[in-house]
ModelCIF file with pLDDT and N, C-alpha, C, O atoms, coordinates in Angstrom:
data_MODEL
#
_entry.id   MODEL 
#
_entity.id                         1 
_entity.type                       polymer 
_entity.pdbx_number_of_molecules   1 
#
_entity_poly.entity_id                      1 
_entity_poly.type                           'polypeptide(L)' 
_entity_poly.nstd_linkage                   no 
_entity_poly.nstd_monomer                   no 
_entity_poly.pdbx_seq_one_letter_code       AIQGGVLNVYINTKLMQDREYAKKINNEAEQICKEFIGRCEKVYKLVE 
_entity_poly.pdbx_seq_one_letter_code_can   AIQGGVLNVYINTKLMQDREYAKKINNEAEQICKEFIGRCEKVYKLVE 
_entity_poly.pdbx_strand_id                 A 
#
loop_
_entity_poly_seq.entity_id 
_entity_poly_seq.num 
_entity_poly_seq.mon_id 
_entity_poly_seq.hetero 
1 1  ALA n 
1 2  ILE n 
1 3  GLN n 
1 4  GLY n 
1 5  GLY n 
1 6  VAL n 
1 7  LEU n 
1 8  ASN n 
1 9  VAL n 
1 10 TYR n 
1 11 ILE n 
1 12 ASN n 
1 13 THR n 
1 14 LYS n 
1 15 LEU n 
1 16 MET n 
1 17 GLN n 
1 18 ASP n 
1 19 ARG n 
1 20 GLU n 
1 21 TYR n 
1 22 ALA n 
1 23 LYS n 
1 24 LYS n 
1 25 ILE n 
1 26 ASN n 
1 27 ASN n 
1 28 GLU n 
1 29 ALA n 
1 30 GLU n 
1 31 GLN n 
1 32 ILE n 
1 33 CYS n 
1 34 LYS n 
1 35 GLU n 
1 36 PHE n 
1 37 ILE n 
1 38 GLY n 
1 39 ARG n 
1 40 CYS n 
1 41 GLU n 
1 42 LYS n 
1 43 VAL n 
1 44 TYR n 
1 45 LYS n 
1 46 LEU n 
1 47 VAL n 
1 48 GLU n 
#
_struct_asym.id          A 
_struct_asym.entity_id   1 
#
loop_
_ma_qa_metric.id 
_ma_qa_metric.mode 
_ma_qa_metric.name 
_ma_qa_metric.software_group_id 
_ma_qa_metric.type 
1 global pLDDT . pLDDT 
2 local  pLDDT . pLDDT 
#
_ma_qa_metric_global.metric_id      1 
_ma_qa_metric_global.metric_value   97.17 
_ma_qa_metric_global.model_id       1 
_ma_qa_metric_global.ordinal_id     1 
#
loop_
_ma_qa_metric_local.label_asym_id 
_ma_qa_metric_local.label_comp_id 
_ma_qa_metric_local.label_seq_id 
_ma_qa_metric_local.metric_id 
_ma_qa_metric_local.metric_value 
_ma_qa_metric_local.model_id 
_ma_qa_metric_local.ordinal_id 
A ALA 1  2 98.00 1 1  
A ILE 2  2 98.00 1 2  
A GLN 3  2 98.00 1 3  
A GLY 4  2 98.00 1 4  
A GLY 5  2 98.00 1 5  
A VAL 6  2 98.00 1 6  
A LEU 7  2 98.00 1 7  
A ASN 8  2 96.00 1 8  
A VAL 9  2 97.00 1 9  
A TYR 10 2 97.00 1 10 
A ILE 11 2 96.00 1 11 
A ASN 12 2 96.00 1 12 
A THR 13 2 97.00 1 13 
A LYS 14 2 96.00 1 14 
A LEU 15 2 94.00 1 15 
A MET 16 2 96.00 1 16 
A GLN 17 2 95.00 1 17 
A ASP 18 2 96.00 1 18 
A ARG 19 2 97.00 1 19 
A GLU 20 2 97.00 1 20 
A TYR 21 2 96.00 1 21 
A ALA 22 2 97.00 1 22 
A LYS 23 2 97.00 1 23 
A LYS 24 2 97.00 1 24 
A ILE 25 2 97.00 1 25 
A ASN 26 2 98.00 1 26 
A ASN 27 2 98.00 1 27 
A GLU 28 2 97.00 1 28 
A ALA 29 2 98.00 1 29 
A GLU 30 2 98.00 1 30 
A GLN 31 2 97.00 1 31 
A ILE 32 2 97.00 1 32 
A CYS 33 2 97.00 1 33 
A LYS 34 2 97.00 1 34 
A GLU 35 2 96.00 1 35 
A PHE 36 2 98.00 1 36 
A ILE 37 2 98.00 1 37 
A GLY 38 2 98.00 1 38 
A ARG 39 2 98.00 1 39 
A CYS 40 2 98.00 1 40 
A GLU 41 2 98.00 1 41 
A LYS 42 2 98.00 1 42 
A VAL 43 2 98.00 1 43 
A TYR 44 2 98.00 1 44 
A LYS 45 2 98.00 1 45 
A LEU 46 2 97.00 1 46 
A VAL 47 2 97.00 1 47 
A GLU 48 2 97.00 1 48 
#
loop_
_atom_site.group_PDB 
_atom_site.id 
_atom_site.type_symbol 
_atom_site.label_atom_id 
_atom_site.label_alt_id 
_atom_site.label_comp_id 
_atom_site.label_asym_id 
_atom_site.label_entity_id 
_atom_site.label_seq_id 
_atom_site.pdbx_PDB_ins_code 
_atom_site.Cartn_x 
_atom_site.Cartn_y 
_atom_site.Cartn_z 
_atom_site.occupancy 
_atom_site.B_iso_or_equiv 
_atom_site.pdbx_formal_charge 
_atom_site.auth_seq_id 
_atom_site.auth_comp_id 
_atom_site.auth_asym_id 
_atom_site.auth_atom_id 
_atom_site.pdbx_PDB_model_num 
ATOM 1   N N  . ALA A 1 1  ? 39.540 -44.354 -2.187 1.00 98.00 ? 1  ALA A N  1 
ATOM 2   C CA . ALA A 1 1  ? 40.679 -43.137 -2.359 1.00 98.00 ? 1  ALA A CA 1 
ATOM 3   C C  . ALA A 1 1  ? 41.219 -42.895 -0.959 1.00 98.00 ? 1  ALA A C  1 
ATOM 4   O O  . ALA A 1 1  ? 42.418 -42.691 -1.150 1.00 98.00 ? 1  ALA A O  1 
ATOM 5   N N  . ILE A 1 2  ? 40.974 -42.803 0.388  1.00 98.00 ? 2  ILE A N  1 
ATOM 6   C CA . ILE A 1 2  ? 41.341 -42.670 1.464  1.00 98.00 ? 2  ILE A CA 1 
ATOM 7   C C  . ILE A 1 2  ? 42.502 -43.746 1.782  1.00 98.00 ? 2  ILE A C  1 
ATOM 8   O O  . ILE A 1 2  ? 43.626 -43.535 2.238  1.00 98.00 ? 2  ILE A O  1 
ATOM 9   N N  . GLN A 1 3  ? 41.965 -44.821 1.450  1.00 98.00 ? 3  GLN A N  1 
ATOM 10  C CA . GLN A 1 3  ? 43.140 -46.254 1.600  1.00 98.00 ? 3  GLN A CA 1 
ATOM 11  C C  . GLN A 1 3  ? 44.192 -46.064 0.507  1.00 98.00 ? 3  GLN A C  1 
ATOM 12  O O  . GLN A 1 3  ? 45.375 -45.949 0.829  1.00 98.00 ? 3  GLN A O  1 
ATOM 13  N N  . GLY A 1 4  ? 43.901 -46.035 -0.464 1.00 98.00 ? 4  GLY A N  1 
ATOM 14  C CA . GLY A 1 4  ? 45.038 -46.115 -1.475 1.00 98.00 ? 4  GLY A CA 1 
ATOM 15  C C  . GLY A 1 4  ? 45.711 -44.699 -1.555 1.00 98.00 ? 4  GLY A C  1 
ATOM 16  O O  . GLY A 1 4  ? 46.900 -44.745 -1.868 1.00 98.00 ? 4  GLY A O  1 
ATOM 17  N N  . GLY A 1 5  ? 45.247 -43.593 -1.360 1.00 98.00 ? 5  GLY A N  1 
ATOM 18  C CA . GLY A 1 5  ? 46.027 -42.469 -0.627 1.00 98.00 ? 5  GLY A CA 1 
ATOM 19  C C  . GLY A 1 5  ? 47.141 -42.623 0.451  1.00 98.00 ? 5  GLY A C  1 
ATOM 20  O O  . GLY A 1 5  ? 48.277 -42.152 0.389  1.00 98.00 ? 5  GLY A O  1 
ATOM 21  N N  . VAL A 1 6  ? 46.677 -43.267 1.310  1.00 98.00 ? 6  VAL A N  1 
ATOM 22  C CA . VAL A 1 6  ? 47.719 -43.538 2.479  1.00 98.00 ? 6  VAL A CA 1 
ATOM 23  C C  . VAL A 1 6  ? 48.486 -44.729 2.177  1.00 98.00 ? 6  VAL A C  1 
ATOM 24  O O  . VAL A 1 6  ? 48.611 -45.318 3.251  1.00 98.00 ? 6  VAL A O  1 
ATOM 25  N N  . LEU A 1 7  ? 48.979 -45.286 1.392  1.00 98.00 ? 7  LEU A N  1 
ATOM 26  C CA . LEU A 1 7  ? 49.535 -46.451 0.707  1.00 98.00 ? 7  LEU A CA 1 
ATOM 27  C C  . LEU A 1 7  ? 50.819 -45.522 -0.201 1.00 98.00 ? 7  LEU A C  1 
ATOM 28  O O  . LEU A 1 7  ? 52.049 -45.565 -0.193 1.00 98.00 ? 7  LEU A O  1 
ATOM 29  N N  . ASN A 1 8  ? 49.879 -44.770 -0.885 1.00 96.00 ? 8  ASN A N  1 
ATOM 30  C CA . ASN A 1 8  ? 51.001 -44.234 -1.301 1.00 96.00 ? 8  ASN A CA 1 
ATOM 31  C C  . ASN A 1 8  ? 51.669 -43.448 -0.664 1.00 96.00 ? 8  ASN A C  1 
ATOM 32  O O  . ASN A 1 8  ? 52.827 -43.218 -1.012 1.00 96.00 ? 8  ASN A O  1 
ATOM 33  N N  . VAL A 1 9  ? 50.993 -42.714 0.649  1.00 97.00 ? 9  VAL A N  1 
ATOM 34  C CA . VAL A 1 9  ? 52.143 -41.797 1.372  1.00 97.00 ? 9  VAL A CA 1 
ATOM 35  C C  . VAL A 1 9  ? 53.315 -43.063 2.019  1.00 97.00 ? 9  VAL A C  1 
ATOM 36  O O  . VAL A 1 9  ? 54.473 -42.770 2.317  1.00 97.00 ? 9  VAL A O  1 
ATOM 37  N N  . TYR A 1 10 ? 52.893 -44.099 2.116  1.00 97.00 ? 10 TYR A N  1 
ATOM 38  C CA . TYR A 1 10 ? 53.656 -44.936 2.807  1.00 97.00 ? 10 TYR A CA 1 
ATOM 39  C C  . TYR A 1 10 ? 54.905 -45.292 1.962  1.00 97.00 ? 10 TYR A C  1 
ATOM 40  O O  . TYR A 1 10 ? 56.049 -45.108 2.380  1.00 97.00 ? 10 TYR A O  1 
ATOM 41  N N  . ILE A 1 11 ? 54.672 -45.711 0.984  1.00 96.00 ? 11 ILE A N  1 
ATOM 42  C CA . ILE A 1 11 ? 55.724 -45.845 -0.365 1.00 96.00 ? 11 ILE A CA 1 
ATOM 43  C C  . ILE A 1 11 ? 56.559 -44.871 -0.283 1.00 96.00 ? 11 ILE A C  1 
ATOM 44  O O  . ILE A 1 11 ? 57.633 -45.188 -0.793 1.00 96.00 ? 11 ILE A O  1 
ATOM 45  N N  . ASN A 1 12 ? 56.542 -43.599 0.221  1.00 96.00 ? 12 ASN A N  1 
ATOM 46  C CA . ASN A 1 12 ? 57.372 -42.846 0.119  1.00 96.00 ? 12 ASN A CA 1 
ATOM 47  C C  . ASN A 1 12 ? 57.911 -42.387 1.343  1.00 96.00 ? 12 ASN A C  1 
ATOM 48  O O  . ASN A 1 12 ? 59.064 -41.957 1.342  1.00 96.00 ? 12 ASN A O  1 
ATOM 49  N N  . THR A 1 13 ? 57.030 -42.421 2.735  1.00 97.00 ? 13 THR A N  1 
ATOM 50  C CA . THR A 1 13 ? 57.827 -42.156 3.562  1.00 97.00 ? 13 THR A CA 1 
ATOM 51  C C  . THR A 1 13 ? 58.768 -43.171 4.224  1.00 97.00 ? 13 THR A C  1 
ATOM 52  O O  . THR A 1 13 ? 59.437 -42.940 5.232  1.00 97.00 ? 13 THR A O  1 
ATOM 53  N N  . LYS A 1 14 ? 58.735 -44.435 3.470  1.00 96.00 ? 14 LYS A N  1 
ATOM 54  C CA . LYS A 1 14 ? 59.359 -45.597 3.895  1.00 96.00 ? 14 LYS A CA 1 
ATOM 55  C C  . LYS A 1 14 ? 60.861 -45.759 3.426  1.00 96.00 ? 14 LYS A C  1 
ATOM 56  O O  . LYS A 1 14 ? 61.573 -46.650 3.890  1.00 96.00 ? 14 LYS A O  1 
ATOM 57  N N  . LEU A 1 15 ? 61.423 -44.609 2.227  1.00 94.00 ? 15 LEU A N  1 
ATOM 58  C CA . LEU A 1 15 ? 62.435 -44.973 1.939  1.00 94.00 ? 15 LEU A CA 1 
ATOM 59  C C  . LEU A 1 15 ? 63.049 -43.345 2.485  1.00 94.00 ? 15 LEU A C  1 
ATOM 60  O O  . LEU A 1 15 ? 64.269 -43.202 2.404  1.00 94.00 ? 15 LEU A O  1 
ATOM 61  N N  . MET A 1 16 ? 62.254 -42.205 3.003  1.00 96.00 ? 16 MET A N  1 
ATOM 62  C CA . MET A 1 16 ? 63.129 -41.155 3.730  1.00 96.00 ? 16 MET A CA 1 
ATOM 63  C C  . MET A 1 16 ? 64.202 -41.223 4.263  1.00 96.00 ? 16 MET A C  1 
ATOM 64  O O  . MET A 1 16 ? 64.505 -42.416 4.284  1.00 96.00 ? 16 MET A O  1 
ATOM 65  N N  . GLN A 1 17 ? 64.900 -40.683 4.675  1.00 95.00 ? 17 GLN A N  1 
ATOM 66  C CA . GLN A 1 17 ? 66.523 -40.554 5.202  1.00 95.00 ? 17 GLN A CA 1 
ATOM 67  C C  . GLN A 1 17 ? 66.087 -40.109 6.459  1.00 95.00 ? 17 GLN A C  1 
ATOM 68  O O  . GLN A 1 17 ? 66.570 -40.618 7.471  1.00 95.00 ? 17 GLN A O  1 
ATOM 69  N N  . ASP A 1 18 ? 65.112 -39.096 6.539  1.00 96.00 ? 18 ASP A N  1 
ATOM 70  C CA . ASP A 1 18 ? 64.454 -37.987 7.536  1.00 96.00 ? 18 ASP A CA 1 
ATOM 71  C C  . ASP A 1 18 ? 63.400 -38.991 8.314  1.00 96.00 ? 18 ASP A C  1 
ATOM 72  O O  . ASP A 1 18 ? 62.207 -38.958 8.012  1.00 96.00 ? 18 ASP A O  1 
ATOM 73  N N  . ARG A 1 19 ? 63.798 -39.709 9.130  1.00 97.00 ? 19 ARG A N  1 
ATOM 74  C CA . ARG A 1 19 ? 62.432 -40.265 9.897  1.00 97.00 ? 19 ARG A CA 1 
ATOM 75  C C  . ARG A 1 19 ? 61.681 -39.345 10.586 1.00 97.00 ? 19 ARG A C  1 
ATOM 76  O O  . ARG A 1 19 ? 60.459 -39.305 10.448 1.00 97.00 ? 19 ARG A O  1 
ATOM 77  N N  . GLU A 1 20 ? 62.200 -38.701 11.215 1.00 97.00 ? 20 GLU A N  1 
ATOM 78  C CA . GLU A 1 20 ? 61.514 -37.926 11.966 1.00 97.00 ? 20 GLU A CA 1 
ATOM 79  C C  . GLU A 1 20 ? 60.248 -36.792 11.216 1.00 97.00 ? 20 GLU A C  1 
ATOM 80  O O  . GLU A 1 20 ? 59.256 -36.215 11.662 1.00 97.00 ? 20 GLU A O  1 
ATOM 81  N N  . TYR A 1 21 ? 60.850 -36.862 10.010 1.00 96.00 ? 21 TYR A N  1 
ATOM 82  C CA . TYR A 1 21 ? 59.455 -36.379 9.160  1.00 96.00 ? 21 TYR A CA 1 
ATOM 83  C C  . TYR A 1 21 ? 58.581 -37.262 8.597  1.00 96.00 ? 21 TYR A C  1 
ATOM 84  O O  . TYR A 1 21 ? 57.369 -37.065 8.692  1.00 96.00 ? 21 TYR A O  1 
ATOM 85  N N  . ALA A 1 22 ? 59.117 -38.399 7.909  1.00 97.00 ? 22 ALA A N  1 
ATOM 86  C CA . ALA A 1 22 ? 58.107 -39.584 7.498  1.00 97.00 ? 22 ALA A CA 1 
ATOM 87  C C  . ALA A 1 22 ? 57.210 -39.879 8.790  1.00 97.00 ? 22 ALA A C  1 
ATOM 88  O O  . ALA A 1 22 ? 56.046 -40.230 8.596  1.00 97.00 ? 22 ALA A O  1 
ATOM 89  N N  . LYS A 1 23 ? 57.730 -39.744 10.219 1.00 97.00 ? 23 LYS A N  1 
ATOM 90  C CA . LYS A 1 23 ? 56.421 -40.120 10.877 1.00 97.00 ? 23 LYS A CA 1 
ATOM 91  C C  . LYS A 1 23 ? 55.878 -38.988 11.359 1.00 97.00 ? 23 LYS A C  1 
ATOM 92  O O  . LYS A 1 23 ? 55.012 -39.256 12.192 1.00 97.00 ? 23 LYS A O  1 
ATOM 93  N N  . LYS A 1 24 ? 56.027 -37.812 11.179 1.00 97.00 ? 24 LYS A N  1 
ATOM 94  C CA . LYS A 1 24 ? 55.193 -36.580 11.122 1.00 97.00 ? 24 LYS A CA 1 
ATOM 95  C C  . LYS A 1 24 ? 54.109 -37.014 10.242 1.00 97.00 ? 24 LYS A C  1 
ATOM 96  O O  . LYS A 1 24 ? 52.968 -36.849 10.674 1.00 97.00 ? 24 LYS A O  1 
ATOM 97  N N  . ILE A 1 25 ? 54.254 -37.525 9.114  1.00 97.00 ? 25 ILE A N  1 
ATOM 98  C CA . ILE A 1 25 ? 53.774 -37.289 7.949  1.00 97.00 ? 25 ILE A CA 1 
ATOM 99  C C  . ILE A 1 25 ? 52.864 -38.800 7.509  1.00 97.00 ? 25 ILE A C  1 
ATOM 100 O O  . ILE A 1 25 ? 51.860 -38.844 6.798  1.00 97.00 ? 25 ILE A O  1 
ATOM 101 N N  . ASN A 1 26 ? 53.506 -39.859 8.114  1.00 98.00 ? 26 ASN A N  1 
ATOM 102 C CA . ASN A 1 26 ? 52.792 -40.944 8.489  1.00 98.00 ? 26 ASN A CA 1 
ATOM 103 C C  . ASN A 1 26 ? 51.365 -40.685 9.275  1.00 98.00 ? 26 ASN A C  1 
ATOM 104 O O  . ASN A 1 26 ? 50.231 -41.025 8.938  1.00 98.00 ? 26 ASN A O  1 
ATOM 105 N N  . ASN A 1 27 ? 51.948 -39.758 10.775 1.00 98.00 ? 27 ASN A N  1 
ATOM 106 C CA . ASN A 1 27 ? 51.091 -39.640 11.863 1.00 98.00 ? 27 ASN A CA 1 
ATOM 107 C C  . ASN A 1 27 ? 49.704 -39.190 11.354 1.00 98.00 ? 27 ASN A C  1 
ATOM 108 O O  . ASN A 1 27 ? 48.583 -39.676 11.503 1.00 98.00 ? 27 ASN A O  1 
ATOM 109 N N  . GLU A 1 28 ? 50.258 -37.854 10.558 1.00 97.00 ? 28 GLU A N  1 
ATOM 110 C CA . GLU A 1 28 ? 48.981 -37.720 10.154 1.00 97.00 ? 28 GLU A CA 1 
ATOM 111 C C  . GLU A 1 28 ? 48.007 -38.362 8.876  1.00 97.00 ? 28 GLU A C  1 
ATOM 112 O O  . GLU A 1 28 ? 46.830 -38.009 8.796  1.00 97.00 ? 28 GLU A O  1 
ATOM 113 N N  . ALA A 1 29 ? 48.509 -39.185 8.040  1.00 98.00 ? 29 ALA A N  1 
ATOM 114 C CA . ALA A 1 29 ? 47.885 -39.858 7.110  1.00 98.00 ? 29 ALA A CA 1 
ATOM 115 C C  . ALA A 1 29 ? 47.050 -40.932 8.408  1.00 98.00 ? 29 ALA A C  1 
ATOM 116 O O  . ALA A 1 29 ? 45.912 -41.365 8.222  1.00 98.00 ? 29 ALA A O  1 
ATOM 117 N N  . GLU A 1 30 ? 47.534 -41.110 9.175  1.00 98.00 ? 30 GLU A N  1 
ATOM 118 C CA . GLU A 1 30 ? 47.319 -42.095 9.913  1.00 98.00 ? 30 GLU A CA 1 
ATOM 119 C C  . GLU A 1 30 ? 45.651 -41.872 10.611 1.00 98.00 ? 30 GLU A C  1 
ATOM 120 O O  . GLU A 1 30 ? 44.634 -42.559 10.519 1.00 98.00 ? 30 GLU A O  1 
ATOM 121 N N  . GLN A 1 31 ? 45.987 -40.439 11.399 1.00 97.00 ? 31 GLN A N  1 
ATOM 122 C CA . GLN A 1 31 ? 44.414 -39.878 11.613 1.00 97.00 ? 31 GLN A CA 1 
ATOM 123 C C  . GLN A 1 31 ? 43.837 -39.926 10.800 1.00 97.00 ? 31 GLN A C  1 
ATOM 124 O O  . GLN A 1 31 ? 42.811 -40.531 11.113 1.00 97.00 ? 31 GLN A O  1 
ATOM 125 N N  . ILE A 1 32 ? 43.810 -39.475 9.233  1.00 97.00 ? 32 ILE A N  1 
ATOM 126 C CA . ILE A 1 32 ? 43.074 -39.491 8.749  1.00 97.00 ? 32 ILE A CA 1 
ATOM 127 C C  . ILE A 1 32 ? 41.970 -40.896 8.211  1.00 97.00 ? 32 ILE A C  1 
ATOM 128 O O  . ILE A 1 32 ? 40.757 -40.893 8.004  1.00 97.00 ? 32 ILE A O  1 
ATOM 129 N N  . CYS A 1 33 ? 43.050 -42.083 8.103  1.00 97.00 ? 33 CYS A N  1 
ATOM 130 C CA . CYS A 1 33 ? 42.364 -43.081 8.363  1.00 97.00 ? 33 CYS A CA 1 
ATOM 131 C C  . CYS A 1 33 ? 41.744 -43.565 9.487  1.00 97.00 ? 33 CYS A C  1 
ATOM 132 O O  . CYS A 1 33 ? 40.674 -44.156 9.344  1.00 97.00 ? 33 CYS A O  1 
ATOM 133 N N  . LYS A 1 34 ? 42.149 -43.443 10.421 1.00 97.00 ? 34 LYS A N  1 
ATOM 134 C CA . LYS A 1 34 ? 41.200 -43.674 11.978 1.00 97.00 ? 34 LYS A CA 1 
ATOM 135 C C  . LYS A 1 34 ? 40.177 -43.338 12.160 1.00 97.00 ? 34 LYS A C  1 
ATOM 136 O O  . LYS A 1 34 ? 39.320 -43.902 12.840 1.00 97.00 ? 34 LYS A O  1 
ATOM 137 N N  . GLU A 1 35 ? 40.065 -41.872 11.287 1.00 96.00 ? 35 GLU A N  1 
ATOM 138 C CA . GLU A 1 35 ? 38.405 -41.294 11.766 1.00 96.00 ? 35 GLU A CA 1 
ATOM 139 C C  . GLU A 1 35 ? 37.818 -41.563 10.392 1.00 96.00 ? 35 GLU A C  1 
ATOM 140 O O  . GLU A 1 35 ? 36.911 -42.395 10.387 1.00 96.00 ? 35 GLU A O  1 
ATOM 141 N N  . PHE A 1 36 ? 38.132 -41.059 9.296  1.00 98.00 ? 36 PHE A N  1 
ATOM 142 C CA . PHE A 1 36 ? 36.960 -41.211 8.501  1.00 98.00 ? 36 PHE A CA 1 
ATOM 143 C C  . PHE A 1 36 ? 37.063 -42.134 7.707  1.00 98.00 ? 36 PHE A C  1 
ATOM 144 O O  . PHE A 1 36 ? 36.326 -41.815 6.774  1.00 98.00 ? 36 PHE A O  1 
ATOM 145 N N  . ILE A 1 37 ? 37.802 -43.683 7.351  1.00 98.00 ? 37 ILE A N  1 
ATOM 146 C CA . ILE A 1 37 ? 37.532 -44.877 7.213  1.00 98.00 ? 37 ILE A CA 1 
ATOM 147 C C  . ILE A 1 37 ? 36.375 -45.546 7.977  1.00 98.00 ? 37 ILE A C  1 
ATOM 148 O O  . ILE A 1 37 ? 35.599 -46.156 7.241  1.00 98.00 ? 37 ILE A O  1 
ATOM 149 N N  . GLY A 1 38 ? 36.136 -45.563 9.078  1.00 98.00 ? 38 GLY A N  1 
ATOM 150 C CA . GLY A 1 38 ? 34.910 -46.120 9.911  1.00 98.00 ? 38 GLY A CA 1 
ATOM 151 C C  . GLY A 1 38 ? 33.435 -45.243 9.659  1.00 98.00 ? 38 GLY A C  1 
ATOM 152 O O  . GLY A 1 38 ? 32.327 -45.726 9.891  1.00 98.00 ? 38 GLY A O  1 
ATOM 153 N N  . ARG A 1 39 ? 33.674 -43.857 9.138  1.00 98.00 ? 39 ARG A N  1 
ATOM 154 C CA . ARG A 1 39 ? 32.505 -43.180 8.809  1.00 98.00 ? 39 ARG A CA 1 
ATOM 155 C C  . ARG A 1 39 ? 31.929 -43.732 7.505  1.00 98.00 ? 39 ARG A C  1 
ATOM 156 O O  . ARG A 1 39 ? 30.739 -43.950 7.276  1.00 98.00 ? 39 ARG A O  1 
ATOM 157 N N  . CYS A 1 40 ? 33.009 -43.930 6.659  1.00 98.00 ? 40 CYS A N  1 
ATOM 158 C CA . CYS A 1 40 ? 32.468 -44.141 4.970  1.00 98.00 ? 40 CYS A CA 1 
ATOM 159 C C  . CYS A 1 40 ? 31.929 -45.907 5.255  1.00 98.00 ? 40 CYS A C  1 
ATOM 160 O O  . CYS A 1 40 ? 30.883 -46.374 4.805  1.00 98.00 ? 40 CYS A O  1 
ATOM 161 N N  . GLU A 1 41 ? 32.981 -46.699 6.135  1.00 98.00 ? 41 GLU A N  1 
ATOM 162 C CA . GLU A 1 41 ? 31.950 -48.145 6.288  1.00 98.00 ? 41 GLU A CA 1 
ATOM 163 C C  . GLU A 1 41 ? 30.542 -47.529 7.102  1.00 98.00 ? 41 GLU A C  1 
ATOM 164 O O  . GLU A 1 41 ? 29.529 -47.618 6.409  1.00 98.00 ? 41 GLU A O  1 
ATOM 165 N N  . LYS A 1 42 ? 30.384 -47.050 8.182  1.00 98.00 ? 42 LYS A N  1 
ATOM 166 C CA . LYS A 1 42 ? 29.439 -46.826 8.518  1.00 98.00 ? 42 LYS A CA 1 
ATOM 167 C C  . LYS A 1 42 ? 28.476 -46.554 7.518  1.00 98.00 ? 42 LYS A C  1 
ATOM 168 O O  . LYS A 1 42 ? 27.610 -47.422 7.411  1.00 98.00 ? 42 LYS A O  1 
ATOM 169 N N  . VAL A 1 43 ? 28.372 -45.377 6.597  1.00 98.00 ? 43 VAL A N  1 
ATOM 170 C CA . VAL A 1 43 ? 27.581 -45.292 5.618  1.00 98.00 ? 43 VAL A CA 1 
ATOM 171 C C  . VAL A 1 43 ? 27.429 -46.389 4.868  1.00 98.00 ? 43 VAL A C  1 
ATOM 172 O O  . VAL A 1 43 ? 26.234 -46.536 4.612  1.00 98.00 ? 43 VAL A O  1 
ATOM 173 N N  . TYR A 1 44 ? 28.150 -47.292 4.362  1.00 98.00 ? 44 TYR A N  1 
ATOM 174 C CA . TYR A 1 44 ? 27.773 -48.372 3.566  1.00 98.00 ? 44 TYR A CA 1 
ATOM 175 C C  . TYR A 1 44 ? 26.961 -49.318 4.173  1.00 98.00 ? 44 TYR A C  1 
ATOM 176 O O  . TYR A 1 44 ? 25.993 -49.864 3.644  1.00 98.00 ? 44 TYR A O  1 
ATOM 177 N N  . LYS A 1 45 ? 27.526 -49.564 5.697  1.00 98.00 ? 45 LYS A N  1 
ATOM 178 C CA . LYS A 1 45 ? 26.666 -50.381 6.344  1.00 98.00 ? 45 LYS A CA 1 
ATOM 179 C C  . LYS A 1 45 ? 24.974 -50.214 6.468  1.00 98.00 ? 45 LYS A C  1 
ATOM 180 O O  . LYS A 1 45 ? 24.024 -50.993 6.381  1.00 98.00 ? 45 LYS A O  1 
ATOM 181 N N  . LEU A 1 46 ? 25.151 -48.628 6.742  1.00 97.00 ? 46 LEU A N  1 
ATOM 182 C CA . LEU A 1 46 ? 23.318 -48.386 6.912  1.00 97.00 ? 46 LEU A CA 1 
ATOM 183 C C  . LEU A 1 46 ? 22.372 -48.385 5.330  1.00 97.00 ? 46 LEU A C  1 
ATOM 184 O O  . LEU A 1 46 ? 21.178 -48.683 5.302  1.00 97.00 ? 46 LEU A O  1 
ATOM 185 N N  . VAL A 1 47 ? 23.243 -47.958 3.979  1.00 97.00 ? 47 VAL A N  1 
ATOM 186 C CA . VAL A 1 47 ? 22.819 -48.147 3.101  1.00 97.00 ? 47 VAL A CA 1 
ATOM 187 C C  . VAL A 1 47 ? 22.313 -49.599 2.781  1.00 97.00 ? 47 VAL A C  1 
ATOM 188 O O  . VAL A 1 47 ? 21.208 -50.046 2.470  1.00 97.00 ? 47 VAL A O  1 
ATOM 189 N N  . GLU A 1 48 ? 23.649 -50.208 2.993  1.00 97.00 ? 48 GLU A N  1 
ATOM 190 C CA . GLU A 1 48 ? 23.263 -52.090 2.870  1.00 97.00 ? 48 GLU A CA 1 
ATOM 191 C C  . GLU A 1 48 ? 22.041 -52.500 3.496  1.00 97.00 ? 48 GLU A C  1 
ATOM 192 O O  . GLU A 1 48 ? 21.702 -53.683 3.473  1.00 97.00 ? 48 GLU A O  1 
#
């Protein structure tokens, strides 16, 4: 859900003319990925 969401953010920000706004949204999405994808992977590995 997180990784799918971020790709759907990027496909829209990529086409924006306002690159400052696009960068802001991308940064917010990237921070979510940075923190939470690893935590999901850790849970999976623990279970495995």
